[in-house]
């Protein structure tokens, strides 16, 4: 790991109280009592509720004598209208703490609902960084996927319904108060979602580690996350219900990568993923990331060969060759991992066509992730990457 430690850097504080381990979600009521909560408002999606995970959470609340209401209408990349509906439900319930249970969309929605409970107006008024001024209600994040890192992230991603465009609000006040990272809750995740969300976590770690804003603290977290994912994603995808060790390793890697990226932002794969998940396309975020990541790495590796050589080694690519030669193996290692876990070869099956390229690139180039990407990128170069992803 090569960084010039003589240069000053910033690492954002992570105010979230993180608890990790099998069964740790059963301690929810203890944490709510510590927050002096009178009533909880659970934010989740229909699938998570149907598979019984929410029942495990509510059982813990009943045993701890904490009253609760449930909002279970979260959708992928929840829209601004849905968030307002959930805020109304929260206010009508009289709850004073929000509990997000699910994947990234549920946790991001929970964070937005907690913020809008104490800040007036529409969520669209807070798109951008550090616009949430009043302290949100306390939020407990309980992830059920190993991918987004939303349980330790300062971002809440949602859809602007008026434009059908994915947007984000962010800032230190958006961090959850408590994160309960229970790998047992990820055991039933289907192989395709295990694979794509795992690749999303890998992209967080790789784009964090290799971009211009990375510094030694984020780098240490990100590089270890890459190692864990390289070792465990195949196993978690193949037999995640039985292989609890790999499930735990993947959730740990996702959380570590989420911590790492707060201070650094990411890169071109994430710049592309926001518009690819917008309009009528609605390509799932983790799939867009998984398909574009190796292509982005192929474009970037010459700009930071020592960093990409570290990535290759973390993924098990051994050898005594030069950093430039080792760096060339990193995109191939990621492409091979994606193929092994069943990631689709391209995005055309999800509706992406030449007709979308102009609009996607127009929005992607506005992303702050472009500025920190290790290689300066033109519109034409980004469009070439996107075309390869079809």
Protein backbone atom coordinates (compact mmCIF):
# COMPACT_ATOMS: atom_id res chain seq x y z
CA UNK A 1 0.00 0.00 0.00
CA UNK A 2 1.75 3.15 -1.22
CA UNK A 3 0.68 6.58 0.02
CA UNK A 4 2.66 9.74 0.63
CA UNK A 5 2.17 10.09 4.37
CA UNK A 6 3.80 13.53 4.34
CA UNK A 7 0.66 14.93 2.73
CA UNK A 8 -2.25 16.07 4.94
CA UNK A 9 -5.56 14.28 4.58
CA UNK A 10 -9.06 14.17 6.02
CA UNK A 11 -10.97 11.15 7.26
CA UNK A 12 -14.59 11.87 8.11
CA UNK A 13 -15.76 10.72 11.54
CA UNK A 14 -18.16 7.78 11.57
CA UNK A 15 -20.58 8.53 14.42
CA UNK A 16 -22.51 5.27 13.94
CA UNK A 17 -22.31 2.82 16.83
CA UNK A 18 -21.55 -0.40 14.94
CA UNK A 19 -22.36 -3.83 16.38
CA UNK A 20 -21.39 -6.88 14.34
CA UNK A 21 -21.96 -10.61 14.75
CA UNK A 22 -24.40 -13.49 14.32
CA UNK A 23 -27.61 -12.81 16.24
CA UNK A 24 -26.72 -9.22 17.09
CA UNK A 25 -30.05 -7.97 15.67
CA UNK A 26 -31.75 -9.54 18.72
CA UNK A 27 -30.25 -6.75 20.83
CA UNK A 28 -32.37 -4.10 19.07
CA UNK A 29 -34.62 -3.35 22.04
CA UNK A 30 -31.57 -2.83 24.28
CA UNK A 31 -30.31 -0.13 21.93
CA UNK A 32 -33.73 1.48 21.67
CA UNK A 33 -34.01 1.63 25.44
CA UNK A 34 -30.57 3.24 25.55
CA UNK A 35 -31.90 5.87 23.13
CA UNK A 36 -34.91 6.38 25.45
CA UNK A 37 -37.18 5.46 22.55
CA UNK A 38 -40.90 5.30 23.28
CA UNK A 39 -41.95 3.77 19.96
CA UNK A 40 -40.17 2.49 16.84
CA UNK A 41 -41.11 3.04 13.21
CA UNK A 42 -39.82 0.15 11.08
CA UNK A 43 -39.04 0.94 7.42
CA UNK A 44 -38.68 -2.09 5.15
CA UNK A 45 -39.84 -3.60 1.86
CA UNK A 46 -42.43 -6.29 1.11
CA UNK A 47 -39.85 -8.95 0.23
CA UNK A 48 -37.94 -8.60 3.48
CA UNK A 49 -41.19 -8.75 5.42
CA UNK A 50 -42.48 -11.74 3.47
CA UNK A 51 -39.34 -13.81 4.06
CA UNK A 52 -39.71 -13.46 7.84
CA UNK A 53 -36.79 -11.19 8.67
CA UNK A 54 -39.05 -8.42 9.93
CA UNK A 55 -40.74 -10.92 12.24
CA UNK A 56 -37.37 -11.62 13.84
CA UNK A 57 -36.90 -7.90 14.42
CA UNK A 58 -40.38 -7.37 15.82
CA UNK A 59 -40.02 -10.42 18.08
CA UNK A 60 -37.00 -8.68 19.62
CA UNK A 61 -39.03 -5.53 20.11
CA UNK A 62 -41.94 -7.39 21.70
CA UNK A 63 -39.61 -9.16 24.10
CA UNK A 64 -38.12 -5.79 24.98
CA UNK A 65 -41.59 -4.22 25.35
CA UNK A 66 -40.94 -1.57 22.68
CA UNK A 67 -44.09 -0.61 20.71
CA UNK A 68 -43.71 -0.28 16.93
CA UNK A 69 -45.41 0.41 13.63
CA UNK A 70 -44.28 -0.98 10.28
CA UNK A 71 -43.99 0.75 6.91
CA UNK A 72 -43.27 -1.95 4.31
CA UNK A 73 -43.81 -0.23 0.96
CA UNK A 74 -40.18 0.55 0.14
CA UNK A 75 -39.24 -0.06 -3.50
CA UNK A 76 -35.90 -0.14 -5.28
CA UNK A 77 -34.51 3.41 -5.21
CA UNK A 78 -37.58 4.69 -3.40
CA UNK A 79 -39.15 7.77 -4.90
CA UNK A 80 -39.50 11.18 -3.30
CA UNK A 81 -43.29 10.70 -3.12
CA UNK A 82 -42.90 7.42 -1.25
CA UNK A 83 -40.52 9.05 1.24
CA UNK A 84 -43.08 11.78 1.94
CA UNK A 85 -45.75 9.10 2.44
CA UNK A 86 -43.52 7.28 4.91
CA UNK A 87 -42.78 10.54 6.78
CA UNK A 88 -46.53 11.10 7.16
CA UNK A 89 -46.86 7.56 8.49
CA UNK A 90 -44.08 8.18 10.98
CA UNK A 91 -45.63 11.39 12.25
CA UNK A 92 -49.06 9.76 12.59
CA UNK A 93 -47.56 6.86 14.52
CA UNK A 94 -45.94 9.08 17.12
CA UNK A 95 -42.71 7.06 16.89
CA UNK A 96 -39.49 8.73 17.95
CA UNK A 97 -36.92 6.35 16.40
CA UNK A 98 -36.64 4.89 12.90
CA UNK A 99 -35.47 1.32 12.29
CA UNK A 100 -34.43 0.45 8.72
CA UNK A 101 -34.46 -3.26 7.87
CA UNK A 102 -33.37 -4.45 4.45
CA UNK A 103 -31.02 -3.69 1.59
CA UNK A 104 -29.72 -0.32 0.51
CA UNK A 105 -33.09 1.07 -0.58
CA UNK A 106 -34.73 0.32 2.78
CA UNK A 107 -31.84 1.76 4.77
CA UNK A 108 -31.56 4.85 2.56
CA UNK A 109 -35.30 5.39 2.82
CA UNK A 110 -35.14 5.04 6.61
CA UNK A 111 -32.38 7.66 6.80
CA UNK A 112 -34.34 10.06 4.60
CA UNK A 113 -37.52 9.53 6.65
CA UNK A 114 -35.65 10.23 9.90
CA UNK A 115 -34.22 13.43 8.39
CA UNK A 116 -37.56 14.66 7.02
CA UNK A 117 -39.22 14.05 10.39
CA UNK A 118 -37.28 17.01 11.79
CA UNK A 119 -36.55 19.06 8.65
CA UNK A 120 -39.39 20.72 6.72
CA UNK A 121 -40.38 20.25 3.10
CA UNK A 122 -39.63 17.75 0.39
CA UNK A 123 -36.62 15.42 0.30
CA UNK A 124 -35.72 17.13 -2.98
CA UNK A 125 -34.85 20.27 -1.01
CA UNK A 126 -31.95 18.36 0.57
CA UNK A 127 -30.35 16.84 -2.52
CA UNK A 128 -26.62 17.42 -2.31
CA UNK A 129 -24.24 17.61 0.64
CA UNK A 130 -24.77 19.01 4.13
CA UNK A 131 -28.21 20.53 3.52
CA UNK A 132 -29.92 18.71 6.40
CA UNK A 133 -29.62 21.24 9.24
CA UNK A 134 -31.75 19.82 12.06
CA UNK A 135 -30.70 16.60 13.75
CA UNK A 136 -32.79 13.70 12.37
CA UNK A 137 -34.59 11.25 14.61
CA UNK A 138 -32.31 8.45 15.84
CA UNK A 139 -31.95 5.72 13.21
CA UNK A 140 -31.04 2.07 13.63
CA UNK A 141 -29.85 0.35 10.43
CA UNK A 142 -30.15 -3.43 10.09
CA UNK A 143 -28.75 -4.56 6.72
CA UNK A 144 -29.99 -7.76 5.09
CA UNK A 145 -27.60 -7.64 2.11
CA UNK A 146 -23.82 -7.38 1.95
CA UNK A 147 -23.36 -4.67 -0.61
CA UNK A 148 -24.35 -1.05 -0.13
CA UNK A 149 -22.71 -0.22 3.20
CA UNK A 150 -25.64 2.14 3.81
CA UNK A 151 -25.56 1.22 7.51
CA UNK A 152 -22.34 3.27 7.83
CA UNK A 153 -22.83 5.72 4.96
CA UNK A 154 -23.55 9.45 4.95
CA UNK A 155 -25.65 9.14 1.77
CA UNK A 156 -29.32 8.45 1.12
CA UNK A 157 -30.07 7.65 -2.53
CA UNK A 158 -33.62 7.93 -3.88
CA UNK A 159 -35.52 8.85 -7.05
CA UNK A 160 -36.72 12.34 -7.90
CA UNK A 161 -40.20 11.38 -9.09
CA UNK A 162 -40.66 14.59 -11.07
CA UNK A 163 -37.67 13.74 -13.31
CA UNK A 164 -37.45 9.97 -12.74
CA UNK A 165 -33.80 10.61 -11.89
CA UNK A 166 -31.77 9.02 -9.10
CA UNK A 167 -30.43 11.64 -6.69
CA UNK A 168 -28.86 11.67 -3.24
CA UNK A 169 -28.80 13.67 -0.07
CA UNK A 170 -25.72 13.42 2.10
CA UNK A 171 -23.95 14.74 5.16
CA UNK A 172 -22.78 13.85 8.63
CA UNK A 173 -26.33 14.04 9.99
CA UNK A 174 -27.41 11.20 7.66
CA UNK A 175 -25.27 8.56 9.40
CA UNK A 176 -27.39 6.02 11.27
CA UNK A 177 -27.18 6.24 15.04
CA UNK A 178 -26.69 2.48 15.45
CA UNK A 179 -25.88 -0.28 12.95
CA UNK A 180 -26.72 -3.88 13.83
CA UNK A 181 -24.79 -5.99 11.29
CA UNK A 182 -26.11 -9.52 11.70
CA UNK A 183 -24.79 -11.92 9.03
CA UNK A 184 -27.53 -14.41 9.93
CA UNK A 185 -30.03 -12.03 8.31
CA UNK A 186 -28.18 -12.33 4.96
CA UNK A 187 -28.18 -16.15 4.89
CA UNK A 188 -31.33 -16.47 2.80
CA UNK A 189 -30.31 -13.95 0.13
CA UNK A 190 -30.69 -15.58 -3.32
CA UNK A 191 -27.49 -16.30 -5.30
CA UNK A 192 -28.09 -13.60 -7.92
CA UNK A 193 -28.54 -10.89 -5.28
CA UNK A 194 -25.63 -12.24 -3.25
CA UNK A 195 -23.47 -11.95 -6.35
CA UNK A 196 -24.51 -8.49 -7.54
CA UNK A 197 -24.57 -6.85 -4.10
CA UNK A 198 -21.19 -8.43 -3.35
CA UNK A 199 -19.81 -6.90 -6.54
CA UNK A 200 -21.22 -3.55 -5.44
CA UNK A 201 -19.26 -3.83 -2.19
CA UNK A 202 -16.16 -4.76 -4.20
CA UNK A 203 -16.66 -1.68 -6.38
CA UNK A 204 -16.91 0.52 -3.28
CA UNK A 205 -13.60 -0.84 -2.06
CA UNK A 206 -11.75 -0.76 -5.41
CA UNK A 207 -13.00 2.66 -6.53
CA UNK A 208 -12.24 4.07 -3.07
CA UNK A 209 -8.74 2.54 -2.96
CA UNK A 210 -7.69 3.64 -6.43
CA UNK A 211 -9.16 7.14 -6.69
CA UNK A 212 -7.38 10.48 -6.27
CA UNK A 213 -8.95 11.25 -2.88
CA UNK A 214 -7.95 8.06 -1.09
CA UNK A 215 -5.77 8.29 2.02
CA UNK A 216 -4.16 5.72 4.33
CA UNK A 217 -7.11 5.14 6.69
CA UNK A 218 -9.69 4.57 3.94
CA UNK A 219 -7.11 2.59 2.00
CA UNK A 220 -6.54 0.15 4.85
CA UNK A 221 -10.26 -0.53 5.20
CA UNK A 222 -10.79 -0.81 1.45
CA UNK A 223 -7.86 -3.13 0.77
CA UNK A 224 -8.92 -5.55 3.50
CA UNK A 225 -12.47 -5.49 2.12
CA UNK A 226 -11.12 -6.42 -1.34
CA UNK A 227 -9.25 -9.37 0.16
CA UNK A 228 -12.35 -10.63 1.98
CA UNK A 229 -14.58 -10.34 -1.08
CA UNK A 230 -12.03 -12.02 -3.34
CA UNK A 231 -11.87 -14.94 -0.92
CA UNK A 232 -15.53 -15.28 0.04
CA UNK A 233 -17.93 -14.00 -2.65
CA UNK A 234 -17.81 -17.18 -4.73
CA UNK A 235 -18.48 -19.31 -1.64
CA UNK A 236 -21.28 -17.07 -0.37
CA UNK A 237 -22.96 -17.18 -3.78
CA UNK A 238 -22.59 -20.95 -4.15
CA UNK A 239 -23.89 -21.94 -0.73
CA UNK A 240 -24.60 -18.88 1.36
CA UNK A 241 -27.17 -20.54 3.58
CA UNK A 242 -24.73 -23.17 4.84
CA UNK A 243 -21.47 -21.23 4.59
CA UNK A 244 -22.03 -18.82 7.46
CA UNK A 245 -18.35 -17.89 7.61
CA UNK A 246 -18.48 -16.49 4.08
CA UNK A 247 -21.72 -14.65 4.82
CA UNK A 248 -20.07 -13.00 7.82
CA UNK A 249 -16.96 -12.14 5.81
CA UNK A 250 -19.02 -10.56 3.04
CA UNK A 251 -21.06 -8.42 5.45
CA UNK A 252 -17.89 -7.34 7.22
CA UNK A 253 -16.30 -6.42 3.88
CA UNK A 254 -19.36 -4.44 2.84
CA UNK A 255 -19.38 -2.50 6.11
CA UNK A 256 -15.64 -1.80 5.92
CA UNK A 257 -15.92 -0.59 2.32
CA UNK A 258 -18.86 1.61 3.33
CA UNK A 259 -16.76 3.22 6.05
CA UNK A 260 -13.85 3.71 3.66
CA UNK A 261 -15.75 5.49 0.90
CA UNK A 262 -17.35 8.22 3.01
CA UNK A 263 -14.20 10.33 2.87
CA UNK A 264 -13.19 9.59 -0.72
CA UNK A 265 -16.21 9.18 -2.99
CA UNK A 266 -15.80 6.54 -5.72
CA UNK A 267 -15.28 6.49 -9.50
CA UNK A 268 -16.71 6.02 -12.98
CA UNK A 269 -18.70 2.84 -12.27
CA UNK A 270 -20.74 4.70 -9.68
CA UNK A 271 -21.00 7.81 -11.87
CA UNK A 272 -22.63 5.63 -14.53
CA UNK A 273 -24.82 3.66 -12.13
CA UNK A 274 -26.95 6.63 -11.03
CA UNK A 275 -28.35 7.50 -14.49
CA UNK A 276 -28.47 3.82 -15.47
CA UNK A 277 -30.93 3.39 -12.59
CA UNK A 278 -33.02 6.36 -13.73
CA UNK A 279 -35.87 7.08 -16.18
CA UNK A 280 -37.43 4.01 -17.75
CA UNK A 281 -34.16 2.07 -17.61
CA UNK A 282 -34.22 1.34 -13.88
CA UNK A 283 -31.25 -1.02 -14.15
CA UNK A 284 -30.61 -2.40 -10.64
CA UNK A 285 -27.74 -0.50 -9.07
CA UNK A 286 -25.70 -3.54 -8.12
CA UNK A 287 -26.05 -5.08 -11.61
CA UNK A 288 -24.98 -1.85 -13.31
CA UNK A 289 -21.96 -1.68 -11.02
CA UNK A 290 -21.03 -5.33 -11.47
CA UNK A 291 -21.06 -5.11 -15.28
CA UNK A 292 -19.23 -1.78 -15.60
CA UNK A 293 -16.59 -2.25 -12.87
CA UNK A 294 -14.06 -4.38 -14.82
CA UNK A 295 -14.45 -2.11 -17.88
CA UNK A 296 -13.80 0.98 -15.76
CA UNK A 297 -10.78 -0.72 -14.19
CA UNK A 298 -9.40 -1.56 -17.65
CA UNK A 299 -9.64 2.14 -18.51
CA UNK A 300 -8.15 3.33 -15.20
CA UNK A 301 -5.36 0.92 -14.31
CA UNK A 302 -2.57 2.75 -16.17
CA UNK A 303 -3.26 5.93 -14.18
CA UNK A 304 -2.51 4.32 -10.79
CA UNK A 305 -0.49 1.15 -11.49
CA UNK A 306 0.78 0.65 -7.94
CA UNK A 307 -2.74 0.88 -6.49
CA UNK A 308 -4.17 -1.49 -9.09
CA UNK A 309 -1.28 -3.88 -8.49
CA UNK A 310 -2.31 -3.91 -4.83
CA UNK A 311 -5.87 -4.72 -5.91
CA UNK A 312 -4.65 -7.62 -8.05
CA UNK A 313 -2.63 -9.05 -5.16
CA UNK A 314 -5.56 -8.63 -2.75
CA UNK A 315 -7.64 -10.69 -5.18
CA UNK A 316 -5.05 -13.47 -5.14
CA UNK A 317 -3.12 -12.57 -8.27
CA UNK A 318 0.45 -13.52 -7.32
CA UNK A 319 3.71 -12.81 -9.09
CA UNK A 320 6.94 -10.86 -9.01
CA UNK A 321 6.28 -8.75 -12.09
CA UNK A 322 6.34 -4.95 -12.21
CA UNK A 323 3.51 -2.82 -10.81
CA UNK A 324 2.39 -2.03 -14.36
CA UNK A 325 2.18 -5.72 -15.26
CA UNK A 326 0.47 -6.60 -11.99
CA UNK A 327 -2.01 -3.73 -12.46
CA UNK A 328 -3.08 -5.21 -15.80
CA UNK A 329 -4.21 -8.35 -14.01
CA UNK A 330 -6.63 -6.50 -11.71
CA UNK A 331 -9.43 -5.89 -14.28
CA UNK A 332 -9.15 -9.48 -15.49
CA UNK A 333 -9.39 -10.80 -11.92
CA UNK A 334 -12.57 -8.80 -11.32
CA UNK A 335 -14.07 -9.87 -14.66
CA UNK A 336 -13.32 -13.49 -13.79
CA UNK A 337 -14.95 -13.12 -10.37
CA UNK A 338 -18.02 -11.54 -11.96
CA UNK A 339 -18.26 -14.40 -14.45
CA UNK A 340 -17.83 -17.03 -11.74
CA UNK A 341 -20.72 -15.66 -9.67
CA UNK A 342 -23.05 -15.35 -12.65
CA UNK A 343 -23.07 -11.61 -13.34
CA UNK A 344 -24.69 -10.86 -16.74
CA UNK A 345 -22.22 -10.13 -19.53
CA UNK A 346 -23.90 -6.89 -20.56
CA UNK A 347 -26.70 -4.45 -19.87
CA UNK A 348 -28.55 -4.65 -23.17
CA UNK A 349 -30.76 -7.37 -21.65
CA UNK A 350 -31.87 -4.75 -19.13
CA UNK A 351 -32.92 -2.34 -21.88
CA UNK A 352 -29.75 -0.31 -22.40
CA UNK A 353 -29.34 0.74 -26.03
CA UNK A 354 -27.48 3.30 -28.11
CA UNK A 355 -30.48 5.61 -27.72
CA UNK A 356 -29.68 5.98 -24.01
CA UNK A 357 -25.97 6.72 -24.30
CA UNK A 358 -26.18 10.49 -24.69
CA UNK A 359 -28.52 11.03 -21.74
CA UNK A 360 -26.63 8.63 -19.46
CA UNK A 361 -23.28 10.28 -20.19
CA UNK A 362 -24.74 13.77 -19.79
CA UNK A 363 -25.84 12.94 -16.24
CA UNK A 364 -22.83 10.78 -15.35
CA UNK A 365 -20.38 13.57 -16.15
CA UNK A 366 -22.08 15.75 -13.49
CA UNK A 367 -21.16 13.28 -10.76
CA UNK A 368 -18.54 14.15 -8.16
CA UNK A 369 -17.22 10.63 -8.71
CA UNK A 370 -15.80 11.69 -12.09
CA UNK A 371 -13.53 14.30 -10.52
CA UNK A 372 -11.83 11.84 -8.17
CA UNK A 373 -11.50 9.05 -10.73
CA UNK A 374 -7.81 8.13 -11.11
CA UNK A 375 -7.79 8.93 -14.83
CA UNK A 376 -9.11 12.18 -16.27
CA UNK A 377 -12.13 11.25 -18.34
CA UNK A 378 -13.80 12.85 -21.35
CA UNK A 379 -17.40 12.36 -22.38
CA UNK A 380 -16.25 10.35 -25.37
CA UNK A 381 -14.14 8.03 -23.23
CA UNK A 382 -16.96 7.44 -20.76
CA UNK A 383 -19.35 6.78 -23.64
CA UNK A 384 -16.91 4.18 -25.02
CA UNK A 385 -16.92 2.38 -21.66
CA UNK A 386 -20.72 2.43 -21.57
CA UNK A 387 -20.97 1.00 -25.07
CA UNK A 388 -18.71 -1.88 -24.06
CA UNK A 389 -21.12 -2.57 -21.19
CA UNK A 390 -24.09 -3.16 -23.48
